PDB file of N, CA and C in Angstrom:
ATOM      1  N   MET A   1      46.551  87.346  75.441  1.00  0.00           N
ATOM      2  CA  MET A   1      46.697  86.034  76.015  1.00  0.00           C
ATOM      3  C   MET A   1      47.606  86.136  77.232  1.00  0.00           C
ATOM      4  N   ASP A   2      47.168  85.574  78.315  1.00  0.00           N
ATOM      5  CA  ASP A   2      47.891  85.650  79.579  1.00  0.00           C
ATOM      6  C   ASP A   2      48.740  84.395  79.751  1.00  0.00           C
ATOM      7  N   PHE A   3      50.076  84.560  79.824  1.00  0.00           N
ATOM      8  CA  PHE A   3      50.983  83.418  79.946  1.00  0.00           C
ATOM      9  C   PHE A   3      51.304  83.089  81.392  1.00  0.00           C
ATOM     10  N   ILE A   4      50.907  83.921  82.299  1.00  0.00           N
ATOM     11  CA  ILE A   4      51.224  83.692  83.705  1.00  0.00           C
ATOM     12  C   ILE A   4      50.069  82.933  84.343  1.00  0.00           C
ATOM     13  N   ASP A   5      50.406  81.793  84.945  1.00  0.00           N
ATOM     14  CA  ASP A   5      49.393  80.966  85.616  1.00  0.00           C
ATOM     15  C   ASP A   5      49.248  81.476  87.043  1.00  0.00           C
ATOM     16  N   THR A   6      48.171  82.198  87.300  1.00  0.00           N
ATOM     17  CA  THR A   6      47.962  82.799  88.627  1.00  0.00           C
ATOM     18  C   THR A   6      47.231  81.857  89.569  1.00  0.00           C
ATOM     19  N   SER A   7      46.775  80.721  89.073  1.00  0.00           N
ATOM     20  CA  SER A   7      46.052  79.797  89.936  1.00  0.00           C
ATOM     21  C   SER A   7      46.997  78.929  90.760  1.00  0.00           C
ATOM     22  N   ARG A   8      48.286  78.966  90.458  1.00  0.00           N
ATOM     23  CA  ARG A   8      49.259  78.141  91.190  1.00  0.00           C
ATOM     24  C   ARG A   8      50.207  79.031  91.981  1.00  0.00           C
ATOM     25  N   SER A   9      50.729  78.436  93.005  1.00  0.00           N
ATOM     26  CA  SER A   9      51.678  79.188  93.832  1.00  0.00           C
ATOM     27  C   SER A   9      53.028  79.223  93.136  1.00  0.00           C
ATOM     28  N   PRO A  10      53.867  80.178  93.515  1.00  0.00           N
ATOM     29  CA  PRO A  10      55.206  80.244  92.906  1.00  0.00           C
ATOM     30  C   PRO A  10      55.991  78.959  93.112  1.00  0.00           C
ATOM     31  N   ASP A  11      55.837  78.296  94.239  1.00  0.00           N
ATOM     32  CA  ASP A  11      56.564  77.038  94.474  1.00  0.00           C
ATOM     33  C   ASP A  11      56.084  75.943  93.528  1.00  0.00           C
ATOM     34  N   GLU A  12      54.757  75.896  93.295  1.00  0.00           N
ATOM     35  CA  GLU A  12      54.214  74.899  92.368  1.00  0.00           C
ATOM     36  C   GLU A  12      54.704  75.159  90.951  1.00  0.00           C
ATOM     37  N   LEU A  13      54.719  76.425  90.580  1.00  0.00           N
ATOM     38  CA  LEU A  13      55.205  76.778  89.241  1.00  0.00           C
ATOM     39  C   LEU A  13      56.683  76.412  89.077  1.00  0.00           C
ATOM     40  N   GLU A  14      57.451  76.707  90.111  1.00  0.00           N
ATOM     41  CA  GLU A  14      58.881  76.393  90.060  1.00  0.00           C
ATOM     42  C   GLU A  14      59.091  74.884  89.956  1.00  0.00           C
ATOM     43  N   GLU A  15      58.337  74.121  90.732  1.00  0.00           N
ATOM     44  CA  GLU A  15      58.446  72.654  90.687  1.00  0.00           C
ATOM     45  C   GLU A  15      58.033  72.119  89.313  1.00  0.00           C
ATOM     46  N   ARG A  16      56.988  72.695  88.780  1.00  0.00           N
ATOM     47  CA  ARG A  16      56.518  72.274  87.458  1.00  0.00           C
ATOM     48  C   ARG A  16      57.572  72.586  86.388  1.00  0.00           C
ATOM     49  N   LEU A  17      58.168  73.764  86.440  1.00  0.00           N
ATOM     50  CA  LEU A  17      59.234  74.122  85.495  1.00  0.00           C
ATOM     51  C   LEU A  17      60.440  73.196  85.652  1.00  0.00           C
ATOM     52  N   ARG A  18      60.803  72.899  86.885  1.00  0.00           N
ATOM     53  CA  ARG A  18      61.938  72.013  87.154  1.00  0.00           C
ATOM     54  C   ARG A  18      61.644  70.622  86.563  1.00  0.00           C
ATOM     55  N   SER A  19      60.429  70.148  86.749  1.00  0.00           N
ATOM     56  CA  SER A  19      60.029  68.842  86.235  1.00  0.00           C
ATOM     57  C   SER A  19      60.091  68.818  84.707  1.00  0.00           C
ATOM     58  N   LYS A  20      59.563  69.868  84.079  1.00  0.00           N
ATOM     59  CA  LYS A  20      59.618  69.942  82.609  1.00  0.00           C
ATOM     60  C   LYS A  20      61.062  70.036  82.126  1.00  0.00           C
ATOM     61  N   GLY A  21      61.880  70.790  82.836  1.00  0.00           N
ATOM     62  CA  GLY A  21      63.293  70.910  82.472  1.00  0.00           C
ATOM     63  C   GLY A  21      63.997  69.565  82.555  1.00  0.00           C
ATOM     64  N   GLN A  22      63.708  68.799  83.616  1.00  0.00           N
ATOM     65  CA  GLN A  22      64.316  67.473  83.755  1.00  0.00           C
ATOM     66  C   GLN A  22      63.847  66.548  82.628  1.00  0.00           C
ATOM     67  N   HIS A  23      62.577  66.648  82.303  1.00  0.00           N
ATOM     68  CA  HIS A  23      62.032  65.825  81.218  1.00  0.00           C
ATOM     69  C   HIS A  23      62.711  66.167  79.884  1.00  0.00           C
ATOM     70  N   LEU A  24      62.865  67.464  79.619  1.00  0.00           N
ATOM     71  CA  LEU A  24      63.537  67.890  78.382  1.00  0.00           C
ATOM     72  C   LEU A  24      65.006  67.468  78.384  1.00  0.00           C
ATOM     73  N   GLU A  25      65.652  67.576  79.529  1.00  0.00           N
ATOM     74  CA  GLU A  25      67.052  67.168  79.636  1.00  0.00           C
ATOM     75  C   GLU A  25      67.187  65.673  79.342  1.00  0.00           C
ATOM     76  N   LEU A  26      66.268  64.872  79.861  1.00  0.00           N
ATOM     77  CA  LEU A  26      66.285  63.435  79.601  1.00  0.00           C
ATOM     78  C   LEU A  26      66.085  63.147  78.110  1.00  0.00           C
ATOM     79  N   LYS A  27      65.163  63.871  77.486  1.00  0.00           N
ATOM     80  CA  LYS A  27      64.943  63.703  76.044  1.00  0.00           C
ATOM     81  C   LYS A  27      66.200  64.053  75.256  1.00  0.00           C
ATOM     82  N   ILE A  28      66.846  65.153  75.637  1.00  0.00           N
ATOM     83  CA  ILE A  28      68.067  65.587  74.945  1.00  0.00           C
ATOM     84  C   ILE A  28      69.156  64.541  75.102  1.00  0.00           C
ATOM     85  N   ARG A  29      69.333  64.012  76.309  1.00  0.00           N
ATOM     86  CA  ARG A  29      70.360  62.981  76.542  1.00  0.00           C
ATOM     87  C   ARG A  29      70.061  61.726  75.709  1.00  0.00           C
ATOM     88  N   THR A  30      68.787  61.355  75.657  1.00  0.00           N
ATOM     89  CA  THR A  30      68.394  60.184  74.862  1.00  0.00           C
ATOM     90  C   THR A  30      68.709  60.411  73.386  1.00  0.00           C
ATOM     91  N   LEU A  31      68.374  61.586  72.890  1.00  0.00           N
ATOM     92  CA  LEU A  31      68.649  61.899  71.485  1.00  0.00           C
ATOM     93  C   LEU A  31      70.149  61.923  71.198  1.00  0.00           C
ATOM     94  N   LEU A  32      70.927  62.477  72.119  1.00  0.00           N
ATOM     95  CA  LEU A  32      72.382  62.500  71.938  1.00  0.00           C
ATOM     96  C   LEU A  32      72.950  61.082  71.933  1.00  0.00           C
ATOM     97  N   SER A  33      72.439  60.247  72.812  1.00  0.00           N
ATOM     98  CA  SER A  33      72.891  58.856  72.858  1.00  0.00           C
ATOM     99  C   SER A  33      72.549  58.136  71.555  1.00  0.00           C
ATOM    100  N   GLN A  34      71.339  58.349  71.067  1.00  0.00           N
ATOM    101  CA  GLN A  34      70.944  57.733  69.796  1.00  0.00           C
ATOM    102  C   GLN A  34      71.806  58.243  68.651  1.00  0.00           C
ATOM    103  N   MET A  35      72.119  59.523  68.681  1.00  0.00           N
ATOM    104  CA  MET A  35      72.961  60.104  67.642  1.00  0.00           C
ATOM    105  C   MET A  35      74.362  59.481  67.686  1.00  0.00           C
ATOM    106  N   ASP A  36      74.914  59.280  68.881  1.00  0.00           N
ATOM    107  CA  ASP A  36      76.220  58.635  69.006  1.00  0.00           C
ATOM    108  C   ASP A  36      76.181  57.206  68.458  1.00  0.00           C
ATOM    109  N   GLN A  37      75.113  56.477  68.779  1.00  0.00           N
ATOM    110  CA  GLN A  37      74.979  55.110  68.278  1.00  0.00           C
ATOM    111  C   GLN A  37      74.895  55.092  66.751  1.00  0.00           C
ATOM    112  N   LEU A  38      74.134  56.009  66.198  1.00  0.00           N
ATOM    113  CA  LEU A  38      74.026  56.086  64.737  1.00  0.00           C
ATOM    114  C   LEU A  38      75.359  56.449  64.099  1.00  0.00           C
ATOM    115  N   ASN A  39      76.107  57.342  64.734  1.00  0.00           N
ATOM    116  CA  ASN A  39      77.434  57.700  64.215  1.00  0.00           C
ATOM    117  C   ASN A  39      78.364  56.493  64.224  1.00  0.00           C
ATOM    118  N   MET A  40      78.316  55.696  65.306  1.00  0.00           N
ATOM    119  CA  MET A  40      79.157  54.499  65.368  1.00  0.00           C
ATOM    120  C   MET A  40      78.755  53.498  64.287  1.00  0.00           C
ATOM    121  N   MET A  41      77.449  53.338  64.087  1.00  0.00           N
ATOM    122  CA  MET A  41      76.985  52.427  63.037  1.00  0.00           C
ATOM    123  C   MET A  41      77.429  52.918  61.665  1.00  0.00           C
ATOM    124  N   LEU A  42      77.347  54.212  61.455  1.00  0.00           N
ATOM    125  CA  LEU A  42      77.769  54.795  60.186  1.00  0.00           C
ATOM    126  C   LEU A  42      79.263  54.576  59.957  1.00  0.00           C
ATOM    127  N   GLN A  43      80.066  54.758  60.994  1.00  0.00           N
ATOM    128  CA  GLN A  43      81.508  54.534  60.871  1.00  0.00           C
ATOM    129  C   GLN A  43      81.803  53.068  60.569  1.00  0.00           C
ATOM    130  N   ASP A  44      81.071  52.150  61.224  1.00  0.00           N
ATOM    131  CA  ASP A  44      81.254  50.724  60.941  1.00  0.00           C
ATOM    132  C   ASP A  44      80.932  50.413  59.482  1.00  0.00           C
ATOM    133  N   LYS A  45      79.837  50.961  58.993  1.00  0.00           N
ATOM    134  CA  LYS A  45      79.449  50.730  57.601  1.00  0.00           C
ATOM    135  C   LYS A  45      80.473  51.331  56.642  1.00  0.00           C
ATOM    136  N   GLN A  46      81.015  52.479  57.010  1.00  0.00           N
ATOM    137  CA  GLN A  46      82.019  53.119  56.157  1.00  0.00           C
ATOM    138  C   GLN A  46      83.272  52.246  56.083  1.00  0.00           C
ATOM    139  N   ARG A  47      83.704  51.697  57.237  1.00  0.00           N
ATOM    140  CA  ARG A  47      84.863  50.805  57.233  1.00  0.00           C
ATOM    141  C   ARG A  47      84.569  49.548  56.415  1.00  0.00           C
ATOM    142  N   GLU A  48      83.356  49.042  56.538  1.00  0.00           N
ATOM    143  CA  GLU A  48      82.963  47.861  55.775  1.00  0.00           C
ATOM    144  C   GLU A  48      83.009  48.146  54.274  1.00  0.00           C
ATOM    145  N   LEU A  49      82.512  49.312  53.875  1.00  0.00           N
ATOM    146  CA  LEU A  49      82.548  49.691  52.458  1.00  0.00           C
ATOM    147  C   LEU A  49      83.980  49.845  51.959  1.00  0.00           C
ATOM    148  N   GLU A  50      84.842  50.422  52.791  1.00  0.00           N
ATOM    149  CA  GLU A  50      86.244  50.568  52.394  1.00  0.00           C
ATOM    150  C   GLU A  50      86.883  49.198  52.200  1.00  0.00           C
ATOM    151  N   GLY A  51      86.555  48.252  53.091  1.00  0.00           N
ATOM    152  CA  GLY A  51      87.075  46.894  52.953  1.00  0.00           C
ATOM    153  C   GLY A  51      86.585  46.232  51.678  1.00  0.00           C
ATOM    154  N   LEU A  52      85.300  46.408  51.383  1.00  0.00           N
ATOM    155  CA  LEU A  52      84.744  45.835  50.157  1.00  0.00           C
ATOM    156  C   LEU A  52      85.376  46.467  48.919  1.00  0.00           C
ATOM    157  N   HIS A  53      85.603  47.767  48.979  1.00  0.00           N
ATOM    158  CA  HIS A  53      86.242  48.454  47.850  1.00  0.00           C
ATOM    159  C   HIS A  53      87.645  47.896  47.625  1.00  0.00           C
ATOM    160  N   SER A  54      88.362  47.671  48.713  1.00  0.00           N
ATOM    161  CA  SER A  54      89.707  47.116  48.611  1.00  0.00           C
ATOM    162  C   SER A  54      89.664  45.707  48.005  1.00  0.00           C
ATOM    163  N   LEU A  55      88.695  44.907  48.444  1.00  0.00           N
ATOM    164  CA  LEU A  55      88.556  43.559  47.883  1.00  0.00           C
ATOM    165  C   LEU A  55      88.227  43.602  46.395  1.00  0.00           C
ATOM    166  N   LEU A  56      87.387  44.544  46.000  1.00  0.00           N
ATOM    167  CA  LEU A  56      87.054  44.677  44.579  1.00  0.00           C
ATOM    168  C   LEU A  56      88.282  45.060  43.761  1.00  0.00           C
ATOM    169  N   LYS A  57      89.107  45.949  44.303  1.00  0.00           N
ATOM    170  CA  LYS A  57      90.339  46.327  43.598  1.00  0.00           C
ATOM    171  C   LYS A  57      91.251  45.112  43.428  1.00  0.00           C
ATOM    172  N   GLU A  58      91.397  44.320  44.504  1.00  0.00           N
ATOM    173  CA  GLU A  58      92.233  43.124  44.433  1.00  0.00           C
ATOM    174  C   GLU A  58      91.683  42.142  43.405  1.00  0.00           C
ATOM    175  N   ARG A  59      90.355  41.967  43.406  1.00  0.00           N
ATOM    176  CA  ARG A  59      89.722  41.057  42.455  1.00  0.00           C
ATOM    177  C   ARG A  59      89.954  41.528  41.023  1.00  0.00           C
ATOM    178  N   ASP A  60      89.788  42.823  40.775  1.00  0.00           N
ATOM    179  CA  ASP A  60      89.991  43.363  39.431  1.00  0.00           C
ATOM    180  C   ASP A  60      91.433  43.162  38.973  1.00  0.00           C
ATOM    181  N   GLU A  61      92.373  43.367  39.881  1.00  0.00           N
ATOM    182  CA  GLU A  61      93.785  43.176  39.540  1.00  0.00           C
ATOM    183  C   GLU A  61      94.059  41.703  39.225  1.00  0.00           C
ATOM    184  N   LEU A  62      93.487  40.819  40.015  1.00  0.00           N
ATOM    185  CA  LEU A  62      93.657  39.387  39.775  1.00  0.00           C
ATOM    186  C   LEU A  62      93.060  38.988  38.428  1.00  0.00           C
ATOM    187  N   ILE A  63      91.904  39.526  38.099  1.00  0.00           N
ATOM    188  CA  ILE A  63      91.270  39.235  36.803  1.00  0.00           C
ATOM    189  C   ILE A  63      92.147  39.733  35.662  1.00  0.00           C
ATOM    190  N   ARG A  64      92.718  40.936  35.813  1.00  0.00           N
ATOM    191  CA  ARG A  64      93.613  41.462  34.769  1.00  0.00           C
ATOM    192  C   ARG A  64      94.816  40.540  34.571  1.00  0.00           C
ATOM    193  N   LYS A  65      95.393  40.082  35.679  1.00  0.00           N
ATOM    194  CA  LYS A  65      96.551  39.193  35.574  1.00  0.00           C
ATOM    195  C   LYS A  65      96.166  37.870  34.922  1.00  0.00           C
ATOM    196  N   GLN A  66      95.006  37.329  35.311  1.00  0.00           N
ATOM    197  CA  GLN A  66      94.571  36.061  34.732  1.00  0.00           C
ATOM    198  C   GLN A  66      94.299  36.202  33.238  1.00  0.00           C
ATOM    199  N   LYS A  67      93.713  37.321  32.831  1.00  0.00           N
ATOM    200  CA  LYS A  67      93.473  37.546  31.403  1.00  0.00           C
ATOM    201  C   LYS A  67      94.786  37.634  30.641  1.00  0.00           C
ATOM    202  N   ALA A  68      95.757  38.323  31.221  1.00  0.00           N
ATOM    203  CA  ALA A  68      97.064  38.433  30.565  1.00  0.00           C
ATOM    204  C   ALA A  68      97.729  37.063  30.479  1.00  0.00           C
ATOM    205  N   ASP A  69      97.664  36.290  31.577  1.00  0.00           N
ATOM    206  CA  ASP A  69      98.240  34.943  31.564  1.00  0.00           C
ATOM    207  C   ASP A  69      97.540  34.061  30.536  1.00  0.00           C
ATOM    208  N   LEU A  70      96.237  34.178  30.465  1.00  0.00           N
ATOM    209  CA  LEU A  70      95.465  33.386  29.513  1.00  0.00           C
ATOM    210  C   LEU A  70      95.824  33.758  28.079  1.00  0.00           C
ATOM    211  N   SER A  71      95.966  35.038  27.830  1.00  0.00           N
ATOM    212  CA  SER A  71      96.345  35.494  26.495  1.00  0.00           C
ATOM    213  C   SER A  71      97.725  34.954  26.123  1.00  0.00           C
ATOM    214  N   ASP A  72      98.667  35.025  27.061  1.00  0.00           N
ATOM    215  CA  ASP A  72     100.006  34.488  26.806  1.00  0.00           C
ATOM    216  C   ASP A  72      99.952  32.982  26.546  1.00  0.00           C
ATOM    217  N   LEU A  73      99.151  32.281  27.338  1.00  0.00           N
ATOM    218  CA  LEU A  73      99.031  30.833  27.172  1.00  0.00           C
ATOM    219  C   LEU A  73      98.439  30.484  25.809  1.00  0.00           C
ATOM    220  N   ARG A  74      97.440  31.231  25.393  1.00  0.00           N
ATOM    221  CA  ARG A  74      96.845  30.991  24.070  1.00  0.00           C
ATOM    222  C   ARG A  74      97.866  31.241  22.960  1.00  0.00           C
ATOM    223  N   LYS A  75      98.608  32.333  23.078  1.00  0.00           N
ATOM    224  CA  LYS A  75      99.617  32.643  22.054  1.00  0.00           C
ATOM    225  C   LYS A  75     100.660  31.538  21.977  1.00  0.00           C
ATOM    226  N   ARG A  76     101.132  31.086  23.156  1.00  0.00           N
ATOM    227  CA  ARG A  76     102.130  30.012  23.163  1.00  0.00           C
ATOM    228  C   ARG A  76     101.550  28.720  22.596  1.00  0.00           C
ATOM    229  N   SER A  77     100.298  28.444  22.932  1.00  0.00           N
ATOM    230  CA  SER A  77      99.649  27.232  22.425  1.00  0.00           C
ATOM    231  C   SER A  77      99.524  27.283  20.906  1.00  0.00           C
ATOM    232  N   GLU A  78      99.093  28.421  20.382  1.00  0.00           N
ATOM    233  CA  GLU A  78      98.976  28.567  18.925  1.00  0.00           C
ATOM    234  C   GLU A  78     100.339  28.439  18.259  1.00  0.00           C
ATOM    235  N   GLN A  79     101.345  29.047  18.873  1.00  0.00           N
ATOM    236  CA  GLN A  79     102.693  28.986  18.302  1.00  0.00           C
ATOM    237  C   GLN A  79     103.210  27.545  18.312  1.00  0.00           C
ATOM    238  N   LYS A  80     102.990  26.830  19.421  1.00  0.00           N
ATOM    239  CA  LYS A  80     103.439  25.439  19.490  1.00  0.00           C
ATOM    240  C   LYS A  80     102.681  24.581  18.486  1.00  0.00           C
ATOM    241  N   GLY A  81     101.395  24.881  18.306  1.00  0.00           N
ATOM    242  CA  GLY A  81     100.610  24.136  17.321  1.00  0.00           C
ATOM    243  C   GLY A  81     101.152  24.329  15.917  1.00  0.00           C
ATOM    244  N   ARG A  82     101.484  25.570  15.576  1.00  0.00           N
ATOM    245  CA  ARG A  82     102.053  25.845  14.246  1.00  0.00           C
ATOM    246  C   ARG A  82     103.405  25.158  14.094  1.00  0.00           C
ATOM    247  N   MET A  83     104.229  25.241  15.145  1.00  0.00           N
ATOM    248  CA  MET A  83     105.550  24.607  15.081  1.00  0.00           C
ATOM    249  C   MET A  83     105.405  23.093  14.960  1.00  0.00           C
ATOM    250  N   SER A  84     104.427  22.525  15.672  1.00  0.00           N
ATOM    251  CA  SER A  84     104.222  21.075  15.611  1.00  0.00           C
ATOM    252  C   SER A  84     103.787  20.648  14.220  1.00  0.00           C
ATOM    253  N   ARG A  85     102.918  21.423  13.609  1.00  0.00           N
ATOM    254  CA  ARG A  85     102.464  21.076  12.256  1.00  0.00           C
ATOM    255  C   ARG A  85     103.620  21.124  11.261  1.00  0.00           C
ATOM    256  N   VAL A  86     104.445  22.161  11.378  1.00  0.00           N
ATOM    257  CA  VAL A  86     105.608  22.276  10.487  1.00  0.00           C
ATOM    258  C   VAL A  86     106.554  21.111  10.722  1.00  0.00           C
ATOM    259  N   ALA A  87     106.781  20.778  11.998  1.00  0.00           N
ATOM    260  CA  ALA A  87     107.684  19.670  12.311  1.00  0.00           C
ATOM    261  C   ALA A  87     107.121  18.347  11.803  1.00  0.00           C
ATOM    262  N   LEU A  88     105.825  18.151  11.948  1.00  0.00           N
ATOM    263  CA  LEU A  88     105.219  16.907  11.472  1.00  0.00           C
ATOM    264  C   LEU A  88     105.319  16.772   9.961  1.00  0.00           C
ATOM    265  N   ASP A  89     105.080  17.857   9.279  1.00  0.00           N
ATOM    266  CA  ASP A  89     105.182  17.814   7.817  1.00  0.00           C
ATOM    267  C   ASP A  89     106.593  17.460   7.377  1.00  0.00           C
ATOM    268  N   SER A  90     107.579  17.970   8.092  1.00  0.00           N
ATOM    269  CA  SER A  90     108.959  17.697   7.689  1.00  0.00           C
ATOM    270  C   SER A  90     109.432  16.326   8.160  1.00  0.00           C
ATOM    271  N   LEU A  91     108.879  15.810   9.275  1.00  0.00           N
ATOM    272  CA  LEU A  91     109.334  14.518   9.789  1.00  0.00           C
ATOM    273  C   LEU A  91     108.672  13.330   9.106  1.00  0.00           C
ATOM    274  N   ASN A  92     107.426  13.461   8.788  1.00  0.00           N
ATOM    275  CA  ASN A  92     106.693  12.316   8.263  1.00  0.00           C
ATOM    276  C   ASN A  92     105.932  12.699   6.995  1.00  0.00           C
ATOM    277  N   PRO A  93     106.623  12.787   5.911  1.00  0.00           N
ATOM    278  CA  PRO A  93     105.941  13.172   4.675  1.00  0.00           C
ATOM    279  C   PRO A  93     104.983  12.091   4.169  1.00  0.00           C
ATOM    280  N   ASP A  94     105.141  10.817   4.644  1.00  0.00           N
ATOM    281  CA  ASP A  94     104.282   9.731   4.168  1.00  0.00           C
ATOM    282  C   ASP A  94     102.888   9.757   4.806  1.00  0.00           C
ATOM    283  N   ASN A  95     102.768  10.123   6.100  1.00  0.00           N
ATOM    284  CA  ASN A  95     101.470  10.091   6.785  1.00  0.00           C
ATOM    285  C   ASN A  95     101.285  11.323   7.683  1.00  0.00           C
ATOM    286  N   PRO A  96     101.314  12.513   7.110  1.00  0.00           N
ATOM    287  CA  PRO A  96     101.178  13.704   7.957  1.00  0.00           C
ATOM    288  C   PRO A  96      99.760  13.897   8.503  1.00  0.00           C
ATOM    289  N   ASP A  97      98.760  13.329   7.838  1.00  0.00           N
ATOM    290  CA  ASP A  97      97.379  13.538   8.299  1.00  0.00           C
ATOM    291  C   ASP A  97      97.130  12.900   9.662  1.00  0.00           C
ATOM    292  N   ALA A  98      97.672  11.702   9.895  1.00  0.00           N
ATOM    293  CA  ALA A  98      97.468  11.025  11.181  1.00  0.00           C
ATOM    294  C   ALA A  98      98.100  11.832  12.314  1.00  0.00           C
ATOM    295  N   LEU A  99      99.290  12.317  12.060  1.00  0.00           N
ATOM    296  CA  LEU A  99      99.955  13.109  13.098  1.00  0.00           C
ATOM    297  C   LEU A  99      99.270  14.460  13.290  1.00  0.00           C
ATOM    298  N   ARG A 100      98.772  15.044  12.225  1.00  0.00           N
ATOM    299  CA  ARG A 100      98.043  16.317  12.335  1.00  0.00           C
ATOM    300  C   ARG A 100      96.803  16.150  13.209  1.00  0.00           C
ATOM    301  N   ILE A 101      96.112  15.029  13.030  1.00  0.00           N
ATOM    302  CA  ILE A 101      94.919  14.763  13.836  1.00  0.00           C
ATOM    303  C   ILE A 101      95.298  14.697  15.315  1.00  0.00           C
ATOM    304  N   GLN A 102      96.419  14.040  15.618  1.00  0.00           N
ATOM    305  CA  GLN A 102      96.869  13.960  17.010  1.00  0.00           C
ATOM    306  C   GLN A 102      97.211  15.351  17.557  1.00  0.00           C
ATOM    307  N   VAL A 103      97.888  16.137  16.761  1.00  0.00           N
ATOM    308  CA  VAL A 103      98.251  17.492  17.191  1.00  0.00           C
ATOM    309  C   VAL A 103      96.997  18.341  17.372  1.00  0.00           C
ATOM    310  N   ASP A 104      96.064  18.254  16.433  1.00  0.00           N
ATOM    311  CA  ASP A 104      94.812  19.017  16.561  1.00  0.00           C
ATOM    312  C   ASP A 104      94.056  18.603  17.818  1.00  0.00           C
ATOM    313  N   HIS A 105      94.059  17.292  18.100  1.00  0.00           N
ATOM    314  CA  HIS A 105      93.400  16.813  19.320  1.00  0.00           C
ATOM    315  C   HIS A 105      94.092  17.397  20.560  1.00  0.00           C
ATOM    316  N   PHE A 106      95.414  17.405  20.545  1.00  0.00           N
ATOM    317  CA  PHE A 106      96.165  17.975  21.665  1.00  0.00           C
ATOM    318  C   PHE A 106      95.840  19.458  21.840  1.00  0.00           C
ATOM    319  N   ILE A 107      95.768  20.185  20.742  1.00  0.00           N
ATOM    320  CA  ILE A 107      95.447  21.620  20.796  1.00  0.00           C
ATOM    321  C   ILE A 107      94.040  21.826  21.349  1.00  0.00           C
ATOM    322  N   GLN A 108      93.108  20.973  20.946  1.00  0.00           N
ATOM    323  CA  GLN A 108      91.748  21.080  21.481  1.00  0.00           C
ATOM    324  C   GLN A 108      91.727  20.842  22.988  1.00  0.00           C
ATOM    325  N   GLU A 109      92.515  19.875  23.444  1.00  0.00           N
ATOM    326  CA  GLU A 109      92.587  19.608  24.888  1.00  0.00           C
ATOM    327  C   GLU A 109      93.171  20.807  25.634  1.00  0.00           C
ATOM    328  N   VAL A 110      94.174  21.428  25.052  1.00  0.00           N
ATOM    329  CA  VAL A 110      94.762  22.627  25.663  1.00  0.00           C
ATOM    330  C   VAL A 110      93.728  23.744  25.707  1.00  0.00           C
ATOM    331  N   ASP A 111      92.979  23.926  24.625  1.00  0.00           N
ATOM    332  CA  ASP A 111      91.930  24.959  24.596  1.00  0.00           C
ATOM    333  C   ASP A 111      90.860  24.687  25.649  1.00  0.00           C
ATOM    334  N   LYS A 112      90.483  23.411  25.831  1.00  0.00           N
ATOM    335  CA  LYS A 112      89.505  23.071  26.869  1.00  0.00           C
ATOM    336  C   LYS A 112      90.045  23.432  28.252  1.00  0.00           C
ATOM    337  N   ALA A 113      91.317  23.131  28.480  1.00  0.00           N
ATOM    338  CA  ALA A 113      91.925  23.450  29.776  1.00  0.00           C
ATOM    339  C   ALA A 113      91.951  24.959  29.999  1.00  0.00           C
ATOM    340  N   ILE A 114      92.228  25.700  28.945  1.00  0.00           N
ATOM    341  CA  ILE A 114      92.244  27.166  29.046  1.00  0.00           C
ATOM    342  C   ILE A 114      90.851  27.681  29.377  1.00  0.00           C
ATOM    343  N   LYS A 115      89.838  27.126  28.733  1.00  0.00           N
ATOM    344  CA  LYS A 115      88.460  27.559  29.008  1.00  0.00           C
ATOM    345  C   LYS A 115      88.067  27.265  30.446  1.00  0.00           C
ATOM    346  N   LYS A 116      88.498  26.114  30.962  1.00  0.00           N
ATOM    347  CA  LYS A 116      88.198  25.792  32.364  1.00  0.00           C
ATOM    348  C   LYS A 116      88.859  26.786  33.304  1.00  0.00           C
ATOM    349  N   LEU A 117      90.054  27.222  32.960  1.00  0.00           N
ATOM    350  CA  LEU A 117      90.749  28.210  33.795  1.00  0.00           C
ATOM    351  C   LEU A 117      90.024  29.541  33.809  1.00  0.00           C
ATOM    352  N   THR A 118      89.367  29.868  32.715  1.00  0.00           N
ATOM    353  CA  THR A 118      88.693  31.169  32.639  1.00  0.00           C
ATOM    354  C   THR A 118      87.333  31.158  33.307  1.00  0.00           C
ATOM    355  N   GLU A 119      86.786  30.013  33.593  1.00  0.00           N
ATOM    356  CA  GLU A 119      85.454  29.946  34.221  1.00  0.00           C
ATOM    357  C   GLU A 119      85.522  30.218  35.694  1.00  0.00           C
TER     358      GLU A 119
END
């Protein structure tokens, strides 16, 4: 197979090679530019992911604190309910059922408020 084009003059061949070289150079520059743009987009997405990860960590920490606060609130509510029942029994031996109903209603309202906080 003959790779030398003998039908063209050396000047034509040189011009043709120069033209192909310029075309390839333009393609290379275009590809490099696209690669730079993709790298910038990738870096932006990476920063965005890091920000989202940070937000998720903050959210998880907030949820842990809220669960702990809720648990403490429930414990205090149960303790106050028990103390109220004991106090009612000792204060009003004639009608403890009426006062117990009021205390139970109060405890239910506290439980409803706690549930709303957890939603």
